[in-house]
Amino acid sequence: MPDVEKAGYKSIALDIAQRIVSGEIPVNSKISGRSLLAGQYHVSPETIRKAIGLLKEENIVSVSQGKEIIILSSHHAYEYITKNKYLKSVYSLKQNLQQLLQEKQDLDLKLEVLLTEIIETSDRLQNLKPYNPIELKILPNSHVVGQTIGNLQFWQNTGATIIALRRGTHVSISPGPHVVLREDDIVVVVGDEKVFENTGQFINKPRS
């Protein structure tokens, strides 16, 4: 017999129900008096009384006027065990949900802090005009189509530095002077406002 030491009355009721289902306590048999049960489970007779009360409500046992406890149904005992396992499962899921919600709240807070830092950093970069990059698209009739960056003397003619070249989904970082520019290429350059204006005019200059 399992020793449910210091167990609550609900745990004791479940333990007795399991003993009934297993056949350890047969249907129609009588359970020992409350004092003996209290000694087996190491709890007070009042705790046993509450446990037996739960079993009585479920029609698992009956209690006579003489306080005799008679086992009525192993089927009801099985249903009682099943129901409590389900309730325990629901409680466990609820606890897991609360934990996940707390973790999500913590993660949302971290994301908010990170986004704030990104925005603040971006704002600072916007104020650093020489390092504020812009993208310029090469039109089909541009004179730079088919020319290498070196042959165009790009920096000498615009004052801008090409830091990246985007061609479709491919991005080249710091393309070299031998890279041939094509129509629809997007060049990413850095410089001040005047440099950007010069670069736009240079790139968009039509082929002669």
C-alpha atoms as a PDB file:
ATOM      1  CA  MET A   1       0.000   0.000   0.000  1.00  0.00           C
ATOM      2  CA  PRO A   2       1.541   3.362  -0.975  1.00  0.00           C
ATOM      3  CA  ASP A   3       2.406   5.644   1.872  1.00  0.00           C
ATOM      4  CA  VAL A   4       0.901   9.053   1.058  1.00  0.00           C
ATOM      5  CA  GLU A   5       2.564  10.784   3.985  1.00  0.00           C
ATOM      6  CA  LYS A   6       1.189  14.185   4.879  1.00  0.00           C
ATOM      7  CA  ALA A   7      -1.053  13.997   1.807  1.00  0.00           C
ATOM      8  CA  GLY A   8      -3.991  16.344   1.222  1.00  0.00           C
ATOM      9  CA  TYR A   9      -7.480  14.885   1.324  1.00  0.00           C
ATOM     10  CA  LYS A  10      -7.819  15.086  -2.473  1.00  0.00           C
ATOM     11  CA  SER A  11      -4.640  13.069  -2.959  1.00  0.00           C
ATOM     12  CA  ILE A  12      -5.852  10.519  -0.422  1.00  0.00           C
ATOM     13  CA  ALA A  13      -9.213  10.211  -2.203  1.00  0.00           C
ATOM     14  CA  LEU A  14      -7.382   9.578  -5.480  1.00  0.00           C
ATOM     15  CA  ASP A  15      -5.115   7.016  -3.844  1.00  0.00           C
ATOM     16  CA  ILE A  16      -8.068   5.089  -2.401  1.00  0.00           C
ATOM     17  CA  ALA A  17      -9.816   5.234  -5.804  1.00  0.00           C
ATOM     18  CA  GLN A  18      -6.702   3.816  -7.480  1.00  0.00           C
ATOM     19  CA  ARG A  19      -6.557   1.005  -4.918  1.00  0.00           C
ATOM     20  CA  ILE A  20     -10.188   0.196  -5.680  1.00  0.00           C
ATOM     21  CA  VAL A  21      -9.570   0.122  -9.449  1.00  0.00           C
ATOM     22  CA  SER A  22      -6.512  -2.092  -9.005  1.00  0.00           C
ATOM     23  CA  GLY A  23      -8.555  -4.543  -6.951  1.00  0.00           C
ATOM     24  CA  GLU A  24      -6.525  -4.047  -3.810  1.00  0.00           C
ATOM     25  CA  ILE A  25      -9.734  -2.883  -2.156  1.00  0.00           C
ATOM     26  CA  PRO A  26     -12.562  -5.029  -3.637  1.00  0.00           C
ATOM     27  CA  VAL A  27     -16.071  -3.785  -4.372  1.00  0.00           C
ATOM     28  CA  ASN A  28     -18.512  -4.479  -1.492  1.00  0.00           C
ATOM     29  CA  SER A  29     -15.635  -4.652   0.989  1.00  0.00           C
ATOM     30  CA  LYS A  30     -15.344  -2.366   3.990  1.00  0.00           C
ATOM     31  CA  ILE A  31     -12.511   0.073   4.588  1.00  0.00           C
ATOM     32  CA  SER A  32     -10.946   0.168   8.040  1.00  0.00           C
ATOM     33  CA  GLY A  33     -12.110   2.835  10.399  1.00  0.00           C
ATOM     34  CA  ARG A  34     -11.028   6.451  10.104  1.00  0.00           C
ATOM     35  CA  SER A  35      -8.490   6.141  12.878  1.00  0.00           C
ATOM     36  CA  LEU A  36      -6.721   3.316  11.053  1.00  0.00           C
ATOM     37  CA  LEU A  37      -6.802   5.235   7.750  1.00  0.00           C
ATOM     38  CA  ALA A  38      -5.457   8.277   9.517  1.00  0.00           C
ATOM     39  CA  GLY A  39      -2.597   6.153  10.773  1.00  0.00           C
ATOM     40  CA  GLN A  40      -1.870   4.728   7.302  1.00  0.00           C
ATOM     41  CA  TYR A  41      -1.817   8.130   5.628  1.00  0.00           C
ATOM     42  CA  HIS A  42      -0.323   9.985   8.604  1.00  0.00           C
ATOM     43  CA  VAL A  43      -3.020  12.635   8.605  1.00  0.00           C
ATOM     44  CA  SER A  44      -5.800  13.621  10.964  1.00  0.00           C
ATOM     45  CA  PRO A  45      -9.186  11.841  11.008  1.00  0.00           C
ATOM     46  CA  GLU A  46     -10.705  15.097   9.720  1.00  0.00           C
ATOM     47  CA  THR A  47      -8.581  14.882   6.568  1.00  0.00           C
ATOM     48  CA  ILE A  48      -9.742  11.286   6.066  1.00  0.00           C
ATOM     49  CA  ARG A  49     -13.348  12.398   6.568  1.00  0.00           C
ATOM     50  CA  LYS A  50     -12.974  14.939   3.757  1.00  0.00           C
ATOM     51  CA  ALA A  51     -11.373  12.336   1.461  1.00  0.00           C
ATOM     52  CA  ILE A  52     -14.180   9.842   2.103  1.00  0.00           C
ATOM     53  CA  GLY A  53     -16.669  12.666   1.520  1.00  0.00           C
ATOM     54  CA  LEU A  54     -15.272  13.187  -1.972  1.00  0.00           C
ATOM     55  CA  LEU A  55     -15.563   9.487  -2.756  1.00  0.00           C
ATOM     56  CA  LYS A  56     -19.107   9.417  -1.409  1.00  0.00           C
ATOM     57  CA  GLU A  57     -20.108  12.329  -3.666  1.00  0.00           C
ATOM     58  CA  GLU A  58     -18.877  10.318  -6.644  1.00  0.00           C
ATOM     59  CA  ASN A  59     -20.842   7.194  -5.558  1.00  0.00           C
ATOM     60  CA  ILE A  60     -17.607   5.285  -5.088  1.00  0.00           C
ATOM     61  CA  VAL A  61     -18.303   4.519  -1.431  1.00  0.00           C
ATOM     62  CA  SER A  62     -21.184   4.722   0.986  1.00  0.00           C
ATOM     63  CA  VAL A  63     -21.040   5.630   4.645  1.00  0.00           C
ATOM     64  CA  SER A  64     -23.552   4.059   6.986  1.00  0.00           C
ATOM     65  CA  GLN A  65     -24.956   5.541  10.164  1.00  0.00           C
ATOM     66  CA  GLY A  66     -22.459   3.436  12.034  1.00  0.00           C
ATOM     67  CA  LYS A  67     -19.715   5.119  10.017  1.00  0.00           C
ATOM     68  CA  GLU A  68     -18.983   1.977   8.022  1.00  0.00           C
ATOM     69  CA  ILE A  69     -17.301   2.740   4.695  1.00  0.00           C
ATOM     70  CA  ILE A  70     -18.409   0.321   1.979  1.00  0.00           C
ATOM     71  CA  ILE A  71     -16.929   0.190  -1.533  1.00  0.00           C
ATOM     72  CA  LEU A  72     -19.704   0.579  -4.128  1.00  0.00           C
ATOM     73  CA  SER A  73     -18.155   0.878  -7.593  1.00  0.00           C
ATOM     74  CA  SER A  74     -14.779   0.401  -9.243  1.00  0.00           C
ATOM     75  CA  HIS A  75     -16.239   1.924 -12.425  1.00  0.00           C
ATOM     76  CA  HIS A  76     -17.013   5.198 -10.648  1.00  0.00           C
ATOM     77  CA  ALA A  77     -13.563   5.065  -9.081  1.00  0.00           C
ATOM     78  CA  TYR A  78     -12.000   4.782 -12.537  1.00  0.00           C
ATOM     79  CA  GLU A  79     -14.087   7.721 -13.819  1.00  0.00           C
ATOM     80  CA  TYR A  80     -13.004   9.749 -10.790  1.00  0.00           C
ATOM     81  CA  ILE A  81      -9.332   9.057 -11.492  1.00  0.00           C
ATOM     82  CA  THR A  82      -9.739   9.868 -15.192  1.00  0.00           C
ATOM     83  CA  LYS A  83     -11.572  13.120 -14.489  1.00  0.00           C
ATOM     84  CA  ASN A  84      -8.942  14.302 -12.012  1.00  0.00           C
ATOM     85  CA  LYS A  85      -6.108  13.462 -14.387  1.00  0.00           C
ATOM     86  CA  TYR A  86      -7.890  15.558 -17.024  1.00  0.00           C
ATOM     87  CA  LEU A  87      -8.331  18.455 -14.583  1.00  0.00           C
ATOM     88  CA  LYS A  88      -4.691  18.164 -13.587  1.00  0.00           C
ATOM     89  CA  SER A  89      -3.737  18.233 -17.263  1.00  0.00           C
ATOM     90  CA  VAL A  90      -5.866  21.344 -17.866  1.00  0.00           C
ATOM     91  CA  TYR A  91      -4.281  23.034 -14.849  1.00  0.00           C
ATOM     92  CA  SER A  92      -0.829  22.124 -16.118  1.00  0.00           C
ATOM     93  CA  LEU A  93      -1.637  23.548 -19.572  1.00  0.00           C
ATOM     94  CA  LYS A  94      -2.932  26.721 -17.947  1.00  0.00           C
ATOM     95  CA  GLN A  95       0.293  27.040 -15.966  1.00  0.00           C
ATOM     96  CA  ASN A  96       2.319  26.518 -19.167  1.00  0.00           C
ATOM     97  CA  LEU A  97       0.229  29.138 -20.962  1.00  0.00           C
ATOM     98  CA  GLN A  98       0.760  31.659 -18.174  1.00  0.00           C
ATOM     99  CA  GLN A  99       4.490  30.994 -18.287  1.00  0.00           C
ATOM    100  CA  LEU A 100       4.597  31.436 -22.082  1.00  0.00           C
ATOM    101  CA  LEU A 101       2.580  34.658 -21.846  1.00  0.00           C
ATOM    102  CA  GLN A 102       5.029  35.979 -19.264  1.00  0.00           C
ATOM    103  CA  GLU A 103       7.966  34.996 -21.482  1.00  0.00           C
ATOM    104  CA  LYS A 104       6.255  36.713 -24.441  1.00  0.00           C
ATOM    105  CA  GLN A 105       5.732  39.845 -22.359  1.00  0.00           C
ATOM    106  CA  ASP A 106       9.402  39.841 -21.391  1.00  0.00           C
ATOM    107  CA  LEU A 107      10.409  39.285 -25.031  1.00  0.00           C
ATOM    108  CA  ASP A 108       8.104  42.090 -26.227  1.00  0.00           C
ATOM    109  CA  LEU A 109       9.759  44.415 -23.717  1.00  0.00           C
ATOM    110  CA  LYS A 110      13.231  43.436 -24.945  1.00  0.00           C
ATOM    111  CA  LEU A 111      12.131  43.962 -28.569  1.00  0.00           C
ATOM    112  CA  GLU A 112      10.717  47.380 -27.675  1.00  0.00           C
ATOM    113  CA  VAL A 113      14.014  48.386 -26.066  1.00  0.00           C
ATOM    114  CA  LEU A 114      15.984  47.075 -29.062  1.00  0.00           C
ATOM    115  CA  LEU A 115      13.744  48.874 -31.566  1.00  0.00           C
ATOM    116  CA  THR A 116      14.125  52.100 -29.600  1.00  0.00           C
ATOM    117  CA  GLU A 117      17.910  51.732 -29.743  1.00  0.00           C
ATOM    118  CA  ILE A 118      17.770  51.038 -33.499  1.00  0.00           C
ATOM    119  CA  ILE A 119      15.589  54.097 -34.124  1.00  0.00           C
ATOM    120  CA  GLU A 120      17.827  56.312 -31.996  1.00  0.00           C
ATOM    121  CA  THR A 121      20.928  55.009 -33.787  1.00  0.00           C
ATOM    122  CA  SER A 122      19.264  55.523 -37.175  1.00  0.00           C
ATOM    123  CA  ASP A 123      18.353  59.098 -36.237  1.00  0.00           C
ATOM    124  CA  ARG A 124      21.965  59.766 -35.274  1.00  0.00           C
ATOM    125  CA  LEU A 125      23.168  58.341 -38.593  1.00  0.00           C
ATOM    126  CA  GLN A 126      20.704  60.569 -40.462  1.00  0.00           C
ATOM    127  CA  ASN A 127      22.486  63.546 -38.942  1.00  0.00           C
ATOM    128  CA  LEU A 128      25.859  62.299 -40.178  1.00  0.00           C
ATOM    129  CA  LYS A 129      25.409  63.559 -43.730  1.00  0.00           C
ATOM    130  CA  PRO A 130      28.725  62.278 -45.146  1.00  0.00           C
ATOM    131  CA  TYR A 131      27.818  58.774 -44.089  1.00  0.00           C
ATOM    132  CA  ASN A 132      24.134  58.747 -44.972  1.00  0.00           C
ATOM    133  CA  PRO A 133      23.803  56.249 -47.889  1.00  0.00           C
ATOM    134  CA  ILE A 134      21.369  56.614 -50.765  1.00  0.00           C
ATOM    135  CA  GLU A 135      20.415  54.292 -53.617  1.00  0.00           C
ATOM    136  CA  LEU A 136      20.441  55.343 -57.267  1.00  0.00           C
ATOM    137  CA  LYS A 137      19.036  53.217 -60.073  1.00  0.00           C
ATOM    138  CA  ILE A 138      20.784  53.083 -63.460  1.00  0.00           C
ATOM    139  CA  LEU A 139      18.306  53.771 -66.279  1.00  0.00           C
ATOM    140  CA  PRO A 140      18.454  51.784 -69.558  1.00  0.00           C
ATOM    141  CA  ASN A 141      19.604  54.809 -71.604  1.00  0.00           C
ATOM    142  CA  SER A 142      22.254  55.918 -69.112  1.00  0.00           C
ATOM    143  CA  HIS A 143      25.745  56.506 -70.485  1.00  0.00           C
ATOM    144  CA  VAL A 144      27.212  54.411 -67.634  1.00  0.00           C
ATOM    145  CA  VAL A 145      25.604  51.175 -68.894  1.00  0.00           C
ATOM    146  CA  GLY A 146      28.342  48.815 -70.093  1.00  0.00           C
ATOM    147  CA  GLN A 147      31.103  50.896 -68.497  1.00  0.00           C
ATOM    148  CA  THR A 148      33.333  49.846 -65.614  1.00  0.00           C
ATOM    149  CA  ILE A 149      33.428  51.878 -62.445  1.00  0.00           C
ATOM    150  CA  GLY A 150      37.123  52.543 -63.051  1.00  0.00           C
ATOM    151  CA  ASN A 151      36.658  53.781 -66.642  1.00  0.00           C
ATOM    152  CA  LEU A 152      33.914  56.114 -65.522  1.00  0.00           C
ATOM    153  CA  GLN A 153      36.249  57.647 -62.934  1.00  0.00           C
ATOM    154  CA  PHE A 154      33.195  57.567 -60.713  1.00  0.00           C
ATOM    155  CA  TRP A 155      34.675  59.178 -57.630  1.00  0.00           C
ATOM    156  CA  GLN A 156      36.553  61.836 -59.625  1.00  0.00           C
ATOM    157  CA  ASN A 157      33.351  62.845 -61.458  1.00  0.00           C
ATOM    158  CA  THR A 158      30.911  62.732 -58.546  1.00  0.00           C
ATOM    159  CA  GLY A 159      32.803  62.830 -55.252  1.00  0.00           C
ATOM    160  CA  ALA A 160      30.691  59.862 -54.139  1.00  0.00           C
ATOM    161  CA  THR A 161      31.953  56.524 -52.914  1.00  0.00           C
ATOM    162  CA  ILE A 162      30.150  53.385 -54.034  1.00  0.00           C
ATOM    163  CA  ILE A 163      29.765  51.162 -50.981  1.00  0.00           C
ATOM    164  CA  ALA A 164      27.491  48.535 -52.545  1.00  0.00           C
ATOM    165  CA  LEU A 165      25.959  47.442 -55.834  1.00  0.00           C
ATOM    166  CA  ARG A 166      22.584  45.688 -55.924  1.00  0.00           C
ATOM    167  CA  ARG A 167      21.770  43.629 -58.999  1.00  0.00           C
ATOM    168  CA  GLY A 168      18.437  41.875 -58.619  1.00  0.00           C
ATOM    169  CA  THR A 169      18.647  39.926 -55.400  1.00  0.00           C
ATOM    170  CA  HIS A 170      22.449  39.890 -55.369  1.00  0.00           C
ATOM    171  CA  VAL A 171      24.355  42.540 -53.429  1.00  0.00           C
ATOM    172  CA  SER A 172      28.060  43.251 -53.877  1.00  0.00           C
ATOM    173  CA  ILE A 173      29.743  45.109 -51.050  1.00  0.00           C
ATOM    174  CA  SER A 174      32.396  47.662 -52.084  1.00  0.00           C
ATOM    175  CA  PRO A 175      32.507  46.683 -55.784  1.00  0.00           C
ATOM    176  CA  GLY A 176      35.917  47.108 -57.425  1.00  0.00           C
ATOM    177  CA  PRO A 177      36.883  49.349 -60.388  1.00  0.00           C
ATOM    178  CA  HIS A 178      36.550  46.481 -62.876  1.00  0.00           C
ATOM    179  CA  VAL A 179      32.834  45.899 -62.205  1.00  0.00           C
ATOM    180  CA  VAL A 180      30.723  46.645 -65.323  1.00  0.00           C
ATOM    181  CA  LEU A 181      27.532  48.583 -64.614  1.00  0.00           C
ATOM    182  CA  ARG A 182      24.271  47.397 -66.182  1.00  0.00           C
ATOM    183  CA  GLU A 183      20.820  48.870 -66.599  1.00  0.00           C
ATOM    184  CA  ASP A 184      18.566  48.513 -63.547  1.00  0.00           C
ATOM    185  CA  ASP A 185      21.635  48.129 -61.300  1.00  0.00           C
ATOM    186  CA  ILE A 186      21.257  50.025 -58.055  1.00  0.00           C
ATOM    187  CA  VAL A 187      24.366  51.709 -56.720  1.00  0.00           C
ATOM    188  CA  VAL A 188      24.554  52.587 -53.044  1.00  0.00           C
ATOM    189  CA  VAL A 189      26.714  55.645 -52.453  1.00  0.00           C
ATOM    190  CA  VAL A 190      27.695  57.867 -49.535  1.00  0.00           C
ATOM    191  CA  GLY A 191      28.404  61.566 -49.513  1.00  0.00           C
ATOM    192  CA  ASP A 192      26.836  64.910 -48.676  1.00  0.00           C
ATOM    193  CA  GLU A 193      23.745  66.398 -50.341  1.00  0.00           C
ATOM    194  CA  LYS A 194      25.783  68.088 -53.105  1.00  0.00           C
ATOM    195  CA  VAL A 195      27.565  64.825 -53.863  1.00  0.00           C
ATOM    196  CA  PHE A 196      24.221  63.036 -54.132  1.00  0.00           C
ATOM    197  CA  GLU A 197      22.952  65.642 -56.572  1.00  0.00           C
ATOM    198  CA  ASN A 198      26.087  65.365 -58.707  1.00  0.00           C
ATOM    199  CA  THR A 199      25.911  61.560 -58.639  1.00  0.00           C
ATOM    200  CA  GLY A 200      22.265  61.527 -59.691  1.00  0.00           C
ATOM    201  CA  GLN A 201      22.987  63.839 -62.619  1.00  0.00           C
ATOM    202  CA  PHE A 202      26.037  61.800 -63.616  1.00  0.00           C
ATOM    203  CA  ILE A 203      24.275  58.432 -63.529  1.00  0.00           C
ATOM    204  CA  ASN A 204      21.130  59.672 -65.252  1.00  0.00           C
ATOM    205  CA  LYS A 205      23.026  61.440 -68.027  1.00  0.00           C
ATOM    206  CA  PRO A 206      21.730  59.862 -71.265  1.00  0.00           C
ATOM    207  CA  ARG A 207      23.971  57.994 -73.655  1.00  0.00           C
ATOM    208  CA  SER A 208      25.155  60.309 -76.436  1.00  0.00           C
END
